[in-house]
Protein backbone atom coordinates (compact mmCIF):
# COMPACT_ATOMS: atom_id res chain seq x y z
CA UNK A 1 2.13 -31.28 -0.48
CA UNK A 2 1.79 -28.41 2.01
CA UNK A 3 -0.90 -25.80 1.55
CA UNK A 4 -0.21 -22.33 0.17
CA UNK A 5 -0.18 -18.89 1.73
CA UNK A 6 -2.21 -16.06 0.10
CA UNK A 7 0.96 -14.63 -1.45
CA UNK A 8 2.04 -18.05 -2.77
CA UNK A 9 -1.38 -18.55 -4.39
CA UNK A 10 -1.11 -15.22 -6.25
CA UNK A 11 2.53 -15.90 -7.20
CA UNK A 12 1.61 -19.38 -8.50
CA UNK A 13 -1.17 -17.90 -10.66
CA UNK A 14 1.20 -15.27 -12.13
CA UNK A 15 4.47 -17.23 -12.39
CA UNK A 16 6.01 -17.01 -15.87
CA UNK A 17 9.67 -17.72 -15.06
CA UNK A 18 11.49 -19.81 -12.44
CA UNK A 19 10.14 -21.99 -9.64
CA UNK A 20 8.66 -21.12 -6.25
CA UNK A 21 11.84 -22.01 -4.35
CA UNK A 22 12.78 -19.46 -1.70
CA UNK A 23 15.85 -17.39 -2.51
CA UNK A 24 15.76 -18.15 -6.25
CA UNK A 25 14.81 -15.69 -9.05
CA UNK A 26 11.24 -15.71 -10.35
CA UNK A 27 9.36 -13.71 -12.99
CA UNK A 28 5.75 -12.60 -12.45
CA UNK A 29 3.07 -11.50 -14.90
CA UNK A 30 1.84 -8.05 -13.85
CA UNK A 31 -1.87 -7.15 -14.13
CA UNK A 32 -1.74 -3.47 -13.14
CA UNK A 33 0.81 -0.65 -12.88
CA UNK A 34 0.80 2.81 -11.35
CA UNK A 35 3.18 5.75 -11.45
CA UNK A 36 3.22 9.14 -9.80
CA UNK A 37 4.68 12.33 -11.21
CA UNK A 38 7.95 12.35 -9.26
CA UNK A 39 8.93 9.00 -10.82
CA UNK A 40 6.55 8.72 -13.78
CA UNK A 41 8.36 10.93 -16.27
CA UNK A 42 11.37 8.64 -16.42
CA UNK A 43 9.18 5.51 -16.56
CA UNK A 44 7.29 6.86 -19.61
CA UNK A 45 10.49 7.98 -21.33
CA UNK A 46 11.75 4.41 -20.89
CA UNK A 47 8.48 2.95 -22.15
CA UNK A 48 8.55 5.27 -25.16
CA UNK A 49 12.09 4.11 -25.97
CA UNK A 50 10.84 0.51 -26.20
CA UNK A 51 8.68 1.45 -29.19
CA UNK A 52 5.61 -0.49 -28.02
CA UNK A 53 2.40 1.17 -29.35
CA UNK A 54 0.03 0.46 -26.40
CA UNK A 55 0.35 -0.75 -22.81
CA UNK A 56 -0.21 -4.50 -22.50
CA UNK A 57 -1.33 -4.68 -18.86
CA UNK A 58 -4.98 -5.09 -17.85
CA UNK A 59 -4.82 -1.59 -16.42
CA UNK A 60 -2.18 1.11 -15.98
CA UNK A 61 -2.67 4.45 -14.22
CA UNK A 62 -0.59 7.64 -14.23
CA UNK A 63 -1.23 9.70 -11.09
CA UNK A 64 -0.26 13.34 -10.54
CA UNK A 65 -0.06 13.75 -6.78
CA UNK A 66 3.50 14.55 -5.64
CA UNK A 67 4.70 17.73 -7.35
CA UNK A 68 1.45 19.64 -7.62
CA UNK A 69 2.89 23.08 -6.71
CA UNK A 70 3.62 25.00 -9.92
CA UNK A 71 6.60 27.07 -8.78
CA UNK A 72 8.29 26.89 -12.18
CA UNK A 73 7.88 25.28 -15.58
CA UNK A 74 9.37 21.87 -14.75
CA UNK A 75 6.46 20.25 -12.89
CA UNK A 76 3.97 21.62 -15.40
CA UNK A 77 6.07 20.21 -18.26
CA UNK A 78 6.24 16.81 -16.53
CA UNK A 79 2.47 16.76 -16.05
CA UNK A 80 1.82 17.67 -19.69
CA UNK A 81 4.22 14.97 -20.87
CA UNK A 82 2.66 12.30 -18.61
CA UNK A 83 -0.87 13.31 -19.68
CA UNK A 84 -0.01 13.00 -23.38
CA UNK A 85 1.72 9.64 -22.78
CA UNK A 86 -1.40 8.36 -21.00
CA UNK A 87 -3.54 9.38 -23.98
CA UNK A 88 -1.14 7.96 -26.56
CA UNK A 89 -0.42 4.61 -24.89
CA UNK A 90 -3.77 3.83 -23.25
CA UNK A 91 -3.37 4.61 -19.55
CA UNK A 92 -5.82 6.15 -17.11
CA UNK A 93 -4.72 9.66 -16.11
CA UNK A 94 -5.43 11.01 -12.62
CA UNK A 95 -5.25 14.80 -12.58
CA UNK A 96 -3.60 16.95 -9.87
CA UNK A 97 -6.01 17.33 -6.96
CA UNK A 98 -7.78 14.06 -7.74
CA UNK A 99 -6.06 12.30 -4.84
CA UNK A 100 -3.06 10.35 -3.61
CA UNK A 101 -2.17 7.42 -5.89
CA UNK A 102 -2.38 4.62 -3.29
CA UNK A 103 -5.66 5.79 -1.76
CA UNK A 104 -7.32 6.42 -5.14
CA UNK A 105 -6.05 3.10 -6.54
CA UNK A 106 -7.47 1.22 -3.53
CA UNK A 107 -10.87 2.85 -4.14
CA UNK A 108 -11.14 2.84 -7.93
CA UNK A 109 -8.92 0.10 -9.39
CA UNK A 110 -7.50 -2.37 -6.83
CA UNK A 111 -8.79 -5.95 -7.03
CA UNK A 112 -8.11 -9.04 -4.86
CA UNK A 113 -5.78 -11.62 -6.38
CA UNK A 114 -4.25 -9.21 -8.92
CA UNK A 115 -0.59 -8.20 -9.19
CA UNK A 116 0.35 -4.52 -9.14
CA UNK A 117 3.71 -2.76 -9.38
CA UNK A 118 4.14 0.96 -8.93
CA UNK A 119 7.08 3.35 -9.11
CA UNK A 120 6.52 4.31 -5.48
CA UNK A 121 7.69 2.46 -2.38
CA UNK A 122 4.23 2.50 -0.75
CA UNK A 123 2.47 0.63 -3.57
CA UNK A 124 1.98 -2.36 -1.16
CA UNK A 125 -1.04 -0.40 0.17
CA UNK A 126 -2.93 -2.53 -2.39
CA UNK A 127 -2.30 -5.53 -0.13
CA UNK A 128 -5.12 -4.22 2.06
CA UNK A 129 -7.47 -5.44 -0.68
CA UNK A 130 -5.74 -8.79 -1.13
CA UNK A 131 -3.51 -7.70 -4.03
CA UNK A 132 0.13 -8.65 -4.41
CA UNK A 133 1.44 -5.10 -4.82
CA UNK A 134 5.13 -4.16 -5.07
CA UNK A 135 6.99 -0.88 -5.07
CA UNK A 136 9.40 -1.03 -8.01
CA UNK A 137 11.78 1.01 -10.13
CA UNK A 138 10.50 3.02 -13.09
CA UNK A 139 12.19 0.69 -15.58
CA UNK A 140 10.45 -2.33 -13.99
CA UNK A 141 7.12 -0.52 -14.43
CA UNK A 142 7.93 0.34 -18.07
CA UNK A 143 8.82 -3.31 -18.78
CA UNK A 144 5.57 -4.49 -17.14
CA UNK A 145 3.56 -1.99 -19.22
CA UNK A 146 5.21 -3.52 -22.28
CA UNK A 147 4.07 -7.01 -21.24
CA UNK A 148 7.35 -8.14 -19.68
CA UNK A 149 7.72 -10.03 -16.40
CA UNK A 150 8.61 -8.46 -13.04
CA UNK A 151 11.65 -10.22 -11.59
CA UNK A 152 12.15 -10.71 -7.85
CA UNK A 153 13.78 -13.25 -5.55
CA UNK A 154 11.17 -15.68 -4.23
CA UNK A 155 10.57 -14.30 -0.70
CA UNK A 156 10.13 -15.98 2.66
CA UNK A 157 6.62 -15.91 4.16
CA UNK A 158 5.85 -14.31 7.53
CA UNK A 159 2.41 -14.61 9.12
CA UNK A 160 1.19 -11.98 11.57
CA UNK A 161 -1.60 -13.66 13.50
CA UNK A 162 -4.13 -11.11 14.76
CA UNK A 163 -6.54 -11.86 17.61
CA UNK A 164 -8.90 -9.67 19.64
CA UNK A 165 -10.12 -6.20 18.69
CA UNK A 166 -8.64 -2.69 18.89
CA UNK A 167 -9.72 -0.59 21.87
CA UNK A 168 -11.06 2.97 21.52
CA UNK A 169 -8.46 5.49 20.29
CA UNK A 170 -6.12 2.70 19.17
CA UNK A 171 -5.72 2.74 15.39
CA UNK A 172 -4.42 0.59 12.54
CA UNK A 173 -1.24 2.70 12.65
CA UNK A 174 -0.59 1.27 16.12
CA UNK A 175 -0.77 -2.27 14.67
CA UNK A 176 1.99 -1.68 12.12
CA UNK A 177 4.04 0.26 14.69
CA UNK A 178 3.91 -2.83 16.92
CA UNK A 179 5.13 -5.00 14.00
CA UNK A 180 7.95 -2.49 13.40
CA UNK A 181 8.85 -2.45 17.09
CA UNK A 182 9.23 -6.24 17.03
CA UNK A 183 10.86 -6.76 13.63
CA UNK A 184 12.78 -3.46 13.03
CA UNK A 185 13.18 -1.60 9.72
CA UNK A 186 15.21 -4.51 8.33
CA UNK A 187 12.95 -7.28 9.63
CA UNK A 188 10.94 -7.57 6.44
CA UNK A 189 13.83 -7.75 3.95
CA UNK A 190 13.34 -10.68 1.55
CA UNK A 191 9.97 -11.46 3.10
CA UNK A 192 6.26 -11.05 2.42
CA UNK A 193 4.21 -10.17 5.50
CA UNK A 194 0.82 -11.85 5.51
CA UNK A 195 -1.92 -11.02 8.02
CA UNK A 196 -4.37 -13.62 9.28
CA UNK A 197 -6.34 -14.75 12.32
CA UNK A 198 -9.70 -13.85 13.85
CA UNK A 199 -8.64 -10.23 14.44
CA UNK A 200 -8.51 -9.54 10.69
CA UNK A 201 -12.30 -9.36 10.38
CA UNK A 202 -12.39 -6.45 12.87
CA UNK A 203 -10.34 -4.27 10.48
CA UNK A 204 -11.83 -2.34 7.56
CA UNK A 205 -10.08 -2.18 4.16
CA UNK A 206 -8.78 1.39 4.76
CA UNK A 207 -7.33 0.21 8.10
CA UNK A 208 -5.72 -2.76 6.37
CA UNK A 209 -4.35 -0.36 3.74
CA UNK A 210 -2.65 1.68 6.49
CA UNK A 211 -0.96 -1.50 7.76
CA UNK A 212 0.21 -2.79 4.35
CA UNK A 213 1.28 0.73 3.32
CA UNK A 214 3.79 0.92 6.16
CA UNK A 215 5.08 -2.58 5.49
CA UNK A 216 7.46 -0.63 3.25
CA UNK A 217 9.10 0.67 6.45
CA UNK A 218 9.84 -2.94 7.43
CA UNK A 219 11.81 -3.36 4.20
CA UNK A 220 9.31 -6.09 3.22
CA UNK A 221 8.81 -7.16 -0.41
CA UNK A 222 5.12 -6.52 0.24
CA UNK A 223 2.31 -7.16 2.74
CA UNK A 224 -1.08 -8.74 2.13
CA UNK A 225 -4.43 -9.31 3.85
CA UNK A 226 -7.04 -11.96 3.03
CA UNK A 227 -9.96 -10.93 0.82
CA UNK A 228 -13.11 -11.49 2.88
CA UNK A 229 -16.57 -10.09 3.62
CA UNK A 230 -15.09 -6.71 4.62
CA UNK A 231 -13.32 -6.58 1.25
CA UNK A 232 -16.60 -7.32 -0.52
CA UNK A 233 -18.41 -4.58 1.42
CA UNK A 234 -15.66 -2.05 0.59
CA UNK A 235 -15.77 -2.91 -3.12
CA UNK A 236 -19.59 -2.77 -3.09
CA UNK A 237 -19.43 0.70 -1.55
CA UNK A 238 -17.16 1.72 -4.43
CA UNK A 239 -19.59 0.26 -6.98
CA UNK A 240 -17.05 -2.45 -7.85
CA UNK A 241 -18.40 -5.62 -6.23
CA UNK A 242 -17.81 -7.51 -9.50
CA UNK A 243 -14.04 -7.37 -8.71
CA UNK A 244 -14.49 -9.38 -5.52
CA UNK A 245 -13.00 -12.85 -5.08
CA UNK A 246 -12.48 -14.55 -1.73
CA UNK A 247 -8.84 -15.16 -0.95
CA UNK A 248 -7.35 -16.84 2.12
CA UNK A 249 -4.36 -18.97 3.08
CA UNK A 250 -4.76 -22.74 3.25
CA UNK A 251 -5.13 -24.10 6.79
CA UNK A 252 -1.91 -26.09 6.37
CA UNK A 253 0.10 -23.25 4.76
CA UNK A 254 3.71 -23.16 5.96
CA UNK A 255 5.35 -19.93 7.16
CA UNK A 256 8.99 -19.16 7.89
CA UNK A 257 8.00 -17.05 10.90
CA UNK A 258 4.76 -16.55 12.83
CA UNK A 259 4.10 -13.49 15.02
CA UNK A 260 1.09 -13.28 17.35
CA UNK A 261 -0.48 -9.91 18.14
CA UNK A 262 -3.52 -9.50 20.41
CA UNK A 263 -5.14 -6.28 19.13
CA UNK A 264 -6.84 -5.67 22.50
CA UNK A 265 -3.43 -5.28 24.21
CA UNK A 266 -2.21 -2.47 21.91
CA UNK A 267 -2.06 1.14 23.10
CA UNK A 268 -1.67 4.41 21.14
CA UNK A 269 1.96 4.74 20.03
CA UNK A 270 4.24 6.87 17.88
CA UNK A 271 7.51 6.44 16.01
CA UNK A 272 10.19 8.71 17.47
CA UNK A 273 13.28 10.19 15.74
CA UNK A 274 15.06 9.07 13.77
CA UNK A 275 13.57 5.76 12.66
CA UNK A 276 10.10 4.22 12.12
CA UNK A 277 11.04 1.33 14.42
CA UNK A 278 11.88 3.61 17.38
CA UNK A 279 8.36 3.05 18.69
CA UNK A 280 7.19 4.29 22.08
CA UNK A 281 3.74 4.45 23.61
CA UNK A 282 2.16 7.90 23.90
CA UNK A 283 2.26 7.41 27.67
CA UNK A 284 6.06 6.82 27.54
CA UNK A 285 6.60 9.87 25.34
CA UNK A 286 4.63 12.01 27.77
CA UNK A 287 3.59 15.61 27.35
CA UNK A 288 5.46 17.49 24.60
CA UNK A 289 4.79 20.79 22.88
CA UNK A 290 3.49 20.35 19.34
CA UNK A 291 4.20 23.00 16.69
CA UNK A 292 2.71 21.33 13.64
CA UNK A 293 0.22 18.55 12.95
CA UNK A 294 -0.07 17.04 9.46
CA UNK A 295 -2.93 14.63 8.82
CA UNK A 296 -3.02 12.77 5.53
CA UNK A 297 -0.24 11.21 3.43
CA UNK A 298 -0.77 7.88 1.68
CA UNK A 299 -0.87 6.12 5.08
CA UNK A 300 -3.65 7.94 6.92
CA UNK A 301 -5.81 9.90 4.52
CA UNK A 302 -8.94 7.74 4.30
CA UNK A 303 -12.44 8.99 5.14
CA UNK A 304 -12.29 7.26 8.54
CA UNK A 305 -9.02 9.03 9.45
CA UNK A 306 -10.49 12.42 8.57
CA UNK A 307 -13.70 11.74 10.50
CA UNK A 308 -11.62 11.11 13.63
CA UNK A 309 -10.13 14.59 13.23
CA UNK A 310 -13.59 16.07 12.70
CA UNK A 311 -14.78 14.33 15.87
CA UNK A 312 -11.83 15.62 17.93
CA UNK A 313 -12.17 19.19 16.63
CA UNK A 314 -15.98 19.43 16.77
CA UNK A 315 -16.91 22.65 18.59
CA UNK A 316 -13.22 23.50 19.10
CA UNK A 317 -10.57 25.39 17.14
CA UNK A 318 -6.92 24.64 16.48
CA UNK A 319 -4.60 26.20 19.12
CA UNK A 320 -3.00 29.54 18.17
CA UNK A 321 0.51 28.07 18.36
CA UNK A 322 -0.24 24.98 16.25
CA UNK A 323 -0.16 24.76 12.46
CA UNK A 324 -2.58 22.11 11.17
CA UNK A 325 -2.65 20.74 7.63
CA UNK A 326 -5.10 18.13 6.37
CA UNK A 327 -4.67 16.33 3.05
CA UNK A 328 -7.53 13.97 2.13
CA UNK A 329 -6.36 10.97 0.09
CA UNK A 330 -9.14 11.19 -2.47
CA UNK A 331 -12.21 13.18 -3.43
């Protein structure tokens, strides 16, 4: 019997329907759910229609982070509805301004080895902590909150083997851009991308979160990192060390595809119009006039990302012709 990958171990522990045969339907027990306000309203209307008195997951969170501008009554109405649903059915409620769902969830609630589905395509950010986290439809989330299984097709397993260490000014974003350059925006369809190798221990949890977050752009079912000493340190810093469990693939785990990336060979890169896989190095792109710089989003809004900006801007000011916006991912 061959060993198991990280994803297969979590699937095996949560399997409630079907068998772990690639390409066949399976049903998974879901530990945690999240919604945001652009998709949450419909999910809670659907949950309400089921007539179940309380959520049955270990933990469910309703975040308000997308439509926070009150330029009419509609967003405010949505937020009020979601807040009252959270109170009535037993969810955590994250107020507007509290932070971006994926960043806050990584810090406050994510736990290695748990399953998470969220009504947002970038929910796989949780894979940075060793979770099996899927972006799903609102109805899937409502069903999971009611104690039902989450149904997917058993995916193929891809291992991205990381060696070496990132050079100065090369970031985690450049790692996932390299994966996108090689696999394309369709390269992850029907697959789970699993990261391993000696290079993993050089990446912090927020850096891993950046990489798993953008696995969505590969079309992947989800992406996942091992849970190791860095994971423990991150959870300890959040006052949540009791959530830590070590999680790694078996030495004899079998993958459908293996990709090797030497982190020390990567250079700063960017995705060019009109697709995330149109990746070119900054050197190739050359000198171009920049009108606007936006730093943040659910991909790059961690403390480390913002400290880089602070370092670059220290003693300087933003150019007169450049508009700069910064959106921290959490308080």
